[in-house]
């Protein structure tokens, strides 16, 4: 799955695997962060 340009500009580096990051972002969204 390709990463969109918009997302790359918002967060250009990562320290987590895709699955971990997806889980973290879902939690942030659920908590309204």
PDB file of N, CA and C in Angstrom:
ATOM      1  N   UNK A   1       0.856  -1.184   0.000  1.00  0.00           N
ATOM      2  CA  UNK A   1       0.000   0.000   0.000  1.00  0.00           C
ATOM      3  C   UNK A   1       0.896   1.239   0.000  1.00  0.00           C
ATOM      4  N   UNK A   2       0.682   2.121  -0.956  1.00  0.00           N
ATOM      5  CA  UNK A   2       1.473   3.349  -1.049  1.00  0.00           C
ATOM      6  C   UNK A   2       1.061   4.350   0.022  1.00  0.00           C
ATOM      7  N   UNK A   3       2.009   5.166   0.417  1.00  0.00           N
ATOM      8  CA  UNK A   3       1.754   6.232   1.387  1.00  0.00           C
ATOM      9  C   UNK A   3       1.522   7.518   0.606  1.00  0.00           C
ATOM     10  N   UNK A   4       0.432   8.200   0.904  1.00  0.00           N
ATOM     11  CA  UNK A   4       0.087   9.411   0.157  1.00  0.00           C
ATOM     12  C   UNK A   4       1.069  10.546   0.447  1.00  0.00           C
ATOM     13  N   UNK A   5       1.182  11.462  -0.494  1.00  0.00           N
ATOM     14  CA  UNK A   5       2.048  12.637  -0.335  1.00  0.00           C
ATOM     15  C   UNK A   5       1.607  13.451   0.884  1.00  0.00           C
ATOM     16  N   UNK A   6       0.300  13.601   1.058  1.00  0.00           N
ATOM     17  CA  UNK A   6      -0.226  14.364   2.198  1.00  0.00           C
ATOM     18  C   UNK A   6       0.258  13.766   3.519  1.00  0.00           C
ATOM     19  N   UNK A   7       0.224  12.462   3.616  1.00  0.00           N
ATOM     20  CA  UNK A   7       0.661  11.804   4.849  1.00  0.00           C
ATOM     21  C   UNK A   7       2.170  11.933   5.042  1.00  0.00           C
ATOM     22  N   UNK A   8       2.916  11.804   3.963  1.00  0.00           N
ATOM     23  CA  UNK A   8       4.368  11.951   4.059  1.00  0.00           C
ATOM     24  C   UNK A   8       4.757  13.342   4.539  1.00  0.00           C
ATOM     25  N   UNK A   9       4.024  14.349   4.090  1.00  0.00           N
ATOM     26  CA  UNK A   9       4.311  15.717   4.528  1.00  0.00           C
ATOM     27  C   UNK A   9       3.938  15.909   5.995  1.00  0.00           C
ATOM     28  N   UNK A  10       2.871  15.264   6.438  1.00  0.00           N
ATOM     29  CA  UNK A  10       2.422  15.404   7.826  1.00  0.00           C
ATOM     30  C   UNK A  10       3.359  14.678   8.792  1.00  0.00           C
ATOM     31  N   UNK A  11       3.790  13.484   8.399  1.00  0.00           N
ATOM     32  CA  UNK A  11       4.669  12.669   9.256  1.00  0.00           C
ATOM     33  C   UNK A  11       5.699  11.974   8.372  1.00  0.00           C
ATOM     34  N   UNK A  12       6.787  12.666   8.058  1.00  0.00           N
ATOM     35  CA  UNK A  12       7.756  12.131   7.086  1.00  0.00           C
ATOM     36  C   UNK A  12       8.668  11.019   7.595  1.00  0.00           C
ATOM     37  N   UNK A  13       8.712  10.784   8.888  1.00  0.00           N
ATOM     38  CA  UNK A  13       9.565   9.720   9.427  1.00  0.00           C
ATOM     39  C   UNK A  13       8.732   8.802  10.319  1.00  0.00           C
ATOM     40  N   UNK A  14       9.217   7.589  10.510  1.00  0.00           N
ATOM     41  CA  UNK A  14       8.503   6.649  11.364  1.00  0.00           C
ATOM     42  C   UNK A  14       9.481   5.858  12.213  1.00  0.00           C
ATOM     43  N   UNK A  15       9.028   5.469  13.371  1.00  0.00           N
ATOM     44  CA  UNK A  15       9.829   4.620  14.250  1.00  0.00           C
ATOM     45  C   UNK A  15       9.083   3.325  14.537  1.00  0.00           C
ATOM     46  N   UNK A  16       7.932   3.140  13.874  1.00  0.00           N
ATOM     47  CA  UNK A  16       7.099   1.968  14.132  1.00  0.00           C
ATOM     48  C   UNK A  16       6.760   1.259  12.824  1.00  0.00           C
ATOM     49  N   UNK A  17       6.419  -0.031  12.932  1.00  0.00           N
ATOM     50  CA  UNK A  17       5.958  -0.760  11.754  1.00  0.00           C
ATOM     51  C   UNK A  17       4.572  -0.238  11.361  1.00  0.00           C
ATOM     52  N   UNK A  18       4.157  -0.559  10.157  1.00  0.00           N
ATOM     53  CA  UNK A  18       2.873  -0.056   9.653  1.00  0.00           C
ATOM     54  C   UNK A  18       1.720  -0.499  10.545  1.00  0.00           C
ATOM     55  N   UNK A  19       1.711  -1.760  10.951  1.00  0.00           N
ATOM     56  CA  UNK A  19       0.626  -2.261  11.795  1.00  0.00           C
ATOM     57  C   UNK A  19       0.579  -1.531  13.137  1.00  0.00           C
ATOM     58  N   UNK A  20       1.744  -1.316  13.740  1.00  0.00           N
ATOM     59  CA  UNK A  20       1.799  -0.604  15.028  1.00  0.00           C
ATOM     60  C   UNK A  20       1.320   0.833  14.876  1.00  0.00           C
ATOM     61  N   UNK A  21       1.751   1.489  13.817  1.00  0.00           N
ATOM     62  CA  UNK A  21       1.377   2.880  13.588  1.00  0.00           C
ATOM     63  C   UNK A  21      -0.119   3.004  13.320  1.00  0.00           C
ATOM     64  N   UNK A  22      -0.662   2.076  12.559  1.00  0.00           N
ATOM     65  CA  UNK A  22      -2.094   2.083  12.270  1.00  0.00           C
ATOM     66  C   UNK A  22      -2.894   1.948  13.563  1.00  0.00           C
ATOM     67  N   UNK A  23      -2.450   1.052  14.431  1.00  0.00           N
ATOM     68  CA  UNK A  23      -3.117   0.861  15.722  1.00  0.00           C
ATOM     69  C   UNK A  23      -3.030   2.129  16.563  1.00  0.00           C
ATOM     70  N   UNK A  24      -1.849   2.732  16.603  1.00  0.00           N
ATOM     71  CA  UNK A  24      -1.658   3.958  17.377  1.00  0.00           C
ATOM     72  C   UNK A  24      -2.547   5.086  16.854  1.00  0.00           C
ATOM     73  N   UNK A  25      -2.617   5.237  15.536  1.00  0.00           N
ATOM     74  CA  UNK A  25      -3.429   6.307  14.959  1.00  0.00           C
ATOM     75  C   UNK A  25      -4.912   6.068  15.204  1.00  0.00           C
ATOM     76  N   UNK A  26      -5.347   4.818  15.187  1.00  0.00           N
ATOM     77  CA  UNK A  26      -6.745   4.510  15.487  1.00  0.00           C
ATOM     78  C   UNK A  26      -7.068   4.889  16.929  1.00  0.00           C
ATOM     79  N   UNK A  27      -6.144   4.621  17.838  1.00  0.00           N
ATOM     80  CA  UNK A  27      -6.334   4.988  19.241  1.00  0.00           C
ATOM     81  C   UNK A  27      -6.382   6.507  19.400  1.00  0.00           C
ATOM     82  N   UNK A  28      -5.471   7.211  18.723  1.00  0.00           N
ATOM     83  CA  UNK A  28      -5.470   8.679  18.776  1.00  0.00           C
ATOM     84  C   UNK A  28      -6.800   9.234  18.273  1.00  0.00           C
ATOM     85  N   UNK A  29      -7.301   8.661  17.191  1.00  0.00           N
ATOM     86  CA  UNK A  29      -8.571   9.126  16.624  1.00  0.00           C
ATOM     87  C   UNK A  29      -9.719   8.869  17.604  1.00  0.00           C
ATOM     88  N   UNK A  30      -9.719   7.686  18.222  1.00  0.00           N
ATOM     89  CA  UNK A  30     -10.775   7.338  19.171  1.00  0.00           C
ATOM     90  C   UNK A  30     -10.755   8.254  20.393  1.00  0.00           C
ATOM     91  N   UNK A  31      -9.553   8.659  20.800  1.00  0.00           N
ATOM     92  CA  UNK A  31      -9.418   9.525  21.970  1.00  0.00           C
ATOM     93  C   UNK A  31      -9.538  11.008  21.627  1.00  0.00           C
ATOM     94  N   UNK A  32      -9.582  11.308  20.326  1.00  0.00           N
ATOM     95  CA  UNK A  32      -9.694  12.696  19.904  1.00  0.00           C
ATOM     96  C   UNK A  32      -8.400  13.467  20.009  1.00  0.00           C
ATOM     97  N   UNK A  33      -7.296  12.771  19.918  1.00  0.00           N
ATOM     98  CA  UNK A  33      -5.974  13.423  20.021  1.00  0.00           C
ATOM     99  C   UNK A  33      -5.582  13.994  18.675  1.00  0.00           C
TER     100      UNK A  33
END
